């Protein structure tokens, strides 16, 4: 009899234990289901940050740390800034300082911070039909124009396009004609067209290094000039002027981009594959 009672008691305890385990599993499942869905953040940025592969490294880190899903819109800097003026993006990562300052002055952007830099370079056909040489980018543009060699322009109001137009203005030349080929596309696609058309083109170094192996007809022609620095800034779209933006996560993204951890990732990006950094940390 005693033995039967002990068995019955043990059986009851086993049932209670299994029930408790079941409740724990259910609670854990419920807790997992209760975990907040990631919030959406719209990043408008230049194509060079995408074409170089940098965003493929940085964004997963930010998303994991902040439970945020970043929607990247990679366009020319001009278009990215326009999205900012319309409140169509939450945060901007661009490289046209003068135009950026205008956006801050207009009140459309706030919290603008310097993030990184690389430089612009002039690449062109390996046979160098215009016989361009030296480090003077202005002289190089004039020589190309005089020689009637093909010149490929992005023509998309991007930061690179703005830089190119500034050089043409500096040498008092308004490029036109069949040899001035406008792509209306991003940096990577424009480099491919220059490769096909045997043309010269201004590019950021990061995109060039990332795609050089596919650009078999091109080489670096001019580099190293002090006036060829290419500076990137990050900034929030102003929530006081555009009340639909995700300002909370935009501020987190700005802080993330200038953090020491992210800056170290930026500094090391590309070294393994290309033997040099594609971008350099440049915070204020």
Protein backbone atom coordinates (compact mmCIF):
# COMPACT_ATOMS: atom_id res chain seq x y z
CA UNK A 1 0.00 0.00 0.00
CA UNK A 2 2.77 2.38 0.98
CA UNK A 3 4.55 1.53 -2.22
CA UNK A 4 1.45 2.41 -4.27
CA UNK A 5 1.10 5.74 -2.48
CA UNK A 6 4.73 6.60 -3.19
CA UNK A 7 4.29 5.75 -6.85
CA UNK A 8 1.14 7.86 -7.03
CA UNK A 9 2.87 10.81 -5.36
CA UNK A 10 5.83 10.50 -7.70
CA UNK A 11 3.46 10.40 -10.66
CA UNK A 12 1.75 13.60 -9.52
CA UNK A 13 5.09 15.37 -9.13
CA UNK A 14 6.10 14.28 -12.63
CA UNK A 15 2.88 15.68 -14.05
CA UNK A 16 3.42 18.98 -12.25
CA UNK A 17 7.03 19.14 -13.46
CA UNK A 18 6.04 18.50 -17.08
CA UNK A 19 3.30 21.11 -16.85
CA UNK A 20 5.77 23.65 -15.51
CA UNK A 21 8.19 22.90 -18.34
CA UNK A 22 5.38 23.27 -20.82
CA UNK A 23 4.41 26.62 -19.37
CA UNK A 24 8.03 27.79 -19.50
CA UNK A 25 8.31 26.83 -23.15
CA UNK A 26 5.03 28.58 -23.89
CA UNK A 27 6.15 31.67 -21.98
CA UNK A 28 9.41 31.74 -23.92
CA UNK A 29 7.55 31.43 -27.20
CA UNK A 30 5.16 34.18 -26.16
CA UNK A 31 8.08 36.38 -25.13
CA UNK A 32 9.72 35.83 -28.51
CA UNK A 33 6.50 36.75 -30.27
CA UNK A 34 6.23 39.88 -28.15
CA UNK A 35 9.67 41.11 -29.31
CA UNK A 36 9.16 44.36 -31.14
CA UNK A 37 9.20 44.36 -34.90
CA UNK A 38 12.17 46.33 -36.29
CA UNK A 39 11.46 49.94 -37.15
CA UNK A 40 12.11 51.22 -40.67
CA UNK A 41 14.75 53.82 -41.47
CA UNK A 42 15.13 55.34 -44.94
CA UNK A 43 18.73 56.16 -45.87
CA UNK A 44 19.30 58.25 -49.00
CA UNK A 45 22.91 58.02 -50.05
CA UNK A 46 25.33 58.34 -52.92
CA UNK A 47 25.94 55.34 -55.17
CA UNK A 48 29.62 55.16 -54.24
CA UNK A 49 28.84 53.96 -50.71
CA UNK A 50 26.76 51.18 -52.24
CA UNK A 51 28.93 50.31 -55.25
CA UNK A 52 32.04 50.08 -53.07
CA UNK A 53 30.37 47.55 -50.77
CA UNK A 54 30.81 49.66 -47.63
CA UNK A 55 27.12 49.68 -46.74
CA UNK A 56 26.99 45.89 -47.02
CA UNK A 57 29.39 45.82 -44.08
CA UNK A 58 28.05 48.68 -41.94
CA UNK A 59 24.28 48.36 -42.17
CA UNK A 60 23.91 44.83 -40.75
CA UNK A 61 25.85 45.95 -37.68
CA UNK A 62 23.60 48.97 -37.15
CA UNK A 63 20.43 46.97 -37.78
CA UNK A 64 21.38 44.26 -35.29
CA UNK A 65 22.39 46.71 -32.57
CA UNK A 66 19.28 48.88 -32.87
CA UNK A 67 16.51 46.56 -34.09
CA UNK A 68 16.13 48.70 -37.20
CA UNK A 69 15.60 47.77 -40.84
CA UNK A 70 17.38 50.21 -43.13
CA UNK A 71 15.91 50.86 -46.56
CA UNK A 72 18.76 52.19 -48.70
CA UNK A 73 18.07 54.45 -51.67
CA UNK A 74 21.36 54.85 -53.57
CA UNK A 75 21.16 57.77 -55.97
CA UNK A 76 23.25 60.76 -56.91
CA UNK A 77 23.94 63.14 -54.05
CA UNK A 78 21.75 65.79 -55.68
CA UNK A 79 18.78 63.43 -55.68
CA UNK A 80 19.51 62.33 -52.12
CA UNK A 81 19.56 65.94 -50.95
CA UNK A 82 16.32 66.62 -52.80
CA UNK A 83 14.74 63.72 -50.94
CA UNK A 84 15.82 65.48 -47.78
CA UNK A 85 14.10 68.71 -48.77
CA UNK A 86 10.89 66.77 -49.39
CA UNK A 87 11.07 64.72 -46.21
CA UNK A 88 11.26 61.51 -48.27
CA UNK A 89 14.23 60.14 -46.31
CA UNK A 90 15.11 60.00 -42.63
CA UNK A 91 18.89 60.32 -42.88
CA UNK A 92 21.39 61.26 -45.60
CA UNK A 93 24.94 60.09 -46.34
CA UNK A 94 26.34 62.28 -49.12
CA UNK A 95 29.44 64.02 -50.50
CA UNK A 96 28.73 67.48 -51.85
CA UNK A 97 29.68 69.84 -48.98
CA UNK A 98 28.46 73.10 -50.51
CA UNK A 99 25.03 71.67 -51.36
CA UNK A 100 24.84 70.00 -47.96
CA UNK A 101 25.45 73.33 -46.22
CA UNK A 102 22.59 74.84 -48.20
CA UNK A 103 20.31 72.08 -46.92
CA UNK A 104 21.29 72.82 -43.33
CA UNK A 105 20.82 76.57 -43.87
CA UNK A 106 17.33 75.98 -45.28
CA UNK A 107 16.42 74.05 -42.14
CA UNK A 108 15.80 70.77 -43.95
CA UNK A 109 18.75 68.98 -42.33
CA UNK A 110 20.26 68.95 -38.85
CA UNK A 111 23.01 67.16 -36.93
CA UNK A 112 25.41 67.16 -39.89
CA UNK A 113 28.67 65.41 -39.10
CA UNK A 114 31.77 64.59 -41.08
CA UNK A 115 32.24 60.84 -41.44
CA UNK A 116 34.99 59.87 -43.86
CA UNK A 117 36.87 60.82 -46.98
CA UNK A 118 38.70 59.44 -49.96
CA UNK A 119 39.62 61.23 -53.16
CA UNK A 120 38.55 61.75 -56.72
CA UNK A 121 40.74 60.44 -59.52
CA UNK A 122 40.71 60.79 -63.28
CA UNK A 123 40.80 57.47 -65.10
CA UNK A 124 41.01 56.95 -68.82
CA UNK A 125 42.07 54.67 -71.67
CA UNK A 126 45.34 52.81 -71.25
CA UNK A 127 46.57 54.22 -74.56
CA UNK A 128 45.83 57.73 -73.22
CA UNK A 129 44.78 59.26 -76.57
CA UNK A 130 44.76 62.81 -75.15
CA UNK A 131 48.32 62.37 -73.82
CA UNK A 132 47.30 63.62 -70.39
CA UNK A 133 50.05 63.69 -67.76
CA UNK A 134 50.90 65.30 -64.45
CA UNK A 135 48.82 65.92 -61.31
CA UNK A 136 46.98 69.06 -62.44
CA UNK A 137 43.34 68.05 -62.88
CA UNK A 138 42.40 71.38 -64.47
CA UNK A 139 45.12 71.04 -67.10
CA UNK A 140 44.03 67.45 -67.73
CA UNK A 141 40.43 68.47 -68.43
CA UNK A 142 41.56 71.19 -70.82
CA UNK A 143 43.86 68.76 -72.66
CA UNK A 144 41.05 66.22 -73.03
CA UNK A 145 38.70 68.88 -74.37
CA UNK A 146 41.28 70.18 -76.86
CA UNK A 147 42.04 66.67 -78.11
CA UNK A 148 38.35 65.84 -78.71
CA UNK A 149 38.79 62.58 -76.82
CA UNK A 150 35.75 60.90 -75.30
CA UNK A 151 34.79 62.07 -71.83
CA UNK A 152 32.09 60.24 -69.88
CA UNK A 153 30.03 62.19 -67.34
CA UNK A 154 27.49 60.85 -64.90
CA UNK A 155 25.19 63.74 -65.67
CA UNK A 156 23.07 62.95 -62.63
CA UNK A 157 23.69 65.87 -60.25
CA UNK A 158 25.67 63.54 -57.99
CA UNK A 159 28.55 64.69 -55.83
CA UNK A 160 30.99 63.40 -58.44
CA UNK A 161 29.09 65.16 -61.22
CA UNK A 162 29.08 68.40 -59.24
CA UNK A 163 32.84 68.08 -58.75
CA UNK A 164 33.36 67.47 -62.46
CA UNK A 165 31.27 70.49 -63.44
CA UNK A 166 33.28 72.62 -61.02
CA UNK A 167 36.48 71.64 -62.82
CA UNK A 168 35.02 72.48 -66.24
CA UNK A 169 33.95 75.86 -64.87
CA UNK A 170 37.44 76.48 -63.49
CA UNK A 171 38.95 76.05 -66.97
CA UNK A 172 36.18 78.08 -68.66
CA UNK A 173 34.95 75.18 -70.78
CA UNK A 174 31.36 74.16 -71.32
CA UNK A 175 31.58 70.54 -72.51
CA UNK A 176 29.23 69.44 -75.27
CA UNK A 177 29.08 67.39 -78.45
CA UNK A 178 29.32 63.73 -79.33
CA UNK A 179 32.52 63.20 -77.36
CA UNK A 180 30.90 64.33 -74.10
CA UNK A 181 28.90 61.25 -73.14
CA UNK A 182 26.31 61.60 -70.38
CA UNK A 183 25.15 58.38 -68.71
CA UNK A 184 22.61 59.58 -66.16
CA UNK A 185 23.69 56.59 -64.07
CA UNK A 186 25.63 55.78 -60.95
CA UNK A 187 29.39 55.56 -60.60
CA UNK A 188 29.75 51.85 -61.22
CA UNK A 189 27.62 51.84 -64.36
CA UNK A 190 29.30 55.01 -65.65
CA UNK A 191 32.74 53.44 -65.25
CA UNK A 192 31.58 50.47 -67.30
CA UNK A 193 30.43 52.82 -70.06
CA UNK A 194 33.75 54.67 -70.00
CA UNK A 195 35.47 51.31 -70.34
CA UNK A 196 33.32 50.49 -73.39
CA UNK A 197 33.58 53.93 -75.00
CA UNK A 198 37.33 54.30 -74.43
CA UNK A 199 36.66 57.50 -72.52
CA UNK A 200 38.03 59.51 -69.62
CA UNK A 201 35.94 59.84 -66.47
CA UNK A 202 36.16 61.39 -63.00
CA UNK A 203 35.45 58.86 -60.26
CA UNK A 204 35.83 58.35 -56.55
CA UNK A 205 38.70 56.06 -55.70
CA UNK A 206 36.59 53.60 -53.69
CA UNK A 207 34.34 52.64 -56.60
CA UNK A 208 37.35 52.45 -58.92
CA UNK A 209 39.18 50.04 -56.62
CA UNK A 210 36.07 47.92 -56.12
CA UNK A 211 35.53 47.55 -59.88
CA UNK A 212 39.00 47.93 -61.36
CA UNK A 213 39.34 44.25 -62.24
CA UNK A 214 36.38 44.56 -64.62
CA UNK A 215 37.62 47.79 -66.25
CA UNK A 216 40.33 46.27 -68.40
CA UNK A 217 40.61 49.22 -70.81
CA UNK A 218 41.11 51.90 -68.15
CA UNK A 219 43.88 53.11 -65.86
CA UNK A 220 44.42 55.96 -63.41
CA UNK A 221 45.53 59.06 -65.31
CA UNK A 222 45.55 61.84 -62.68
CA UNK A 223 45.53 61.48 -58.89
CA UNK A 224 46.85 63.07 -55.74
CA UNK A 225 45.86 66.70 -56.17
CA UNK A 226 44.91 68.57 -53.00
CA UNK A 227 41.73 69.79 -54.68
CA UNK A 228 40.53 66.22 -55.29
CA UNK A 229 39.57 65.36 -51.70
CA UNK A 230 36.15 63.74 -51.47
CA UNK A 231 34.46 64.31 -48.09
CA UNK A 232 31.34 62.49 -46.87
CA UNK A 233 28.89 63.79 -44.27
CA UNK A 234 25.93 62.19 -42.54
CA UNK A 235 22.91 64.21 -41.38
CA UNK A 236 19.33 63.88 -40.19
CA UNK A 237 16.34 65.25 -42.02
CA UNK A 238 14.86 67.86 -39.68
CA UNK A 239 11.77 66.44 -37.90
CA UNK A 240 10.56 69.94 -37.00
CA UNK A 241 10.16 70.68 -40.70
CA UNK A 242 9.26 67.17 -41.85
CA UNK A 243 7.21 65.58 -39.10
CA UNK A 244 6.85 62.15 -40.73
CA UNK A 245 10.54 61.26 -40.54
CA UNK A 246 11.96 58.68 -38.14
CA UNK A 247 14.13 61.11 -36.19
CA UNK A 248 14.87 58.75 -33.30
CA UNK A 249 16.58 56.13 -35.45
CA UNK A 250 18.09 58.77 -37.74
CA UNK A 251 19.91 60.25 -34.75
CA UNK A 252 21.07 56.77 -33.77
CA UNK A 253 22.44 56.27 -37.29
CA UNK A 254 24.39 59.55 -37.16
CA UNK A 255 25.87 58.55 -33.80
CA UNK A 256 26.66 55.09 -35.14
CA UNK A 257 28.53 56.44 -38.18
CA UNK A 258 30.83 58.64 -36.09
CA UNK A 259 31.41 56.14 -33.28
CA UNK A 260 34.96 54.93 -32.81
CA UNK A 261 33.94 51.35 -33.56
CA UNK A 262 32.38 52.26 -36.91
CA UNK A 263 35.25 54.57 -37.77
CA UNK A 264 37.67 51.69 -37.31
CA UNK A 265 35.57 49.50 -39.60
CA UNK A 266 35.59 52.26 -42.23
CA UNK A 267 39.35 52.68 -41.94
CA UNK A 268 40.01 48.97 -42.43
CA UNK A 269 37.43 48.40 -45.17
CA UNK A 270 39.06 47.25 -48.39
CA UNK A 271 42.56 46.65 -47.06
CA UNK A 272 42.32 42.87 -47.31
CA UNK A 273 40.91 42.80 -50.84
CA UNK A 274 42.59 45.85 -52.40
CA UNK A 275 45.70 46.41 -50.34
CA UNK A 276 44.52 49.84 -49.21
CA UNK A 277 41.57 51.50 -47.50
CA UNK A 278 38.71 52.58 -49.73
CA UNK A 279 37.71 55.27 -47.22
CA UNK A 280 39.48 56.99 -44.34
CA UNK A 281 37.90 57.99 -41.04
CA UNK A 282 37.40 61.72 -40.84
CA UNK A 283 35.22 62.68 -37.89
CA UNK A 284 35.12 66.11 -36.29
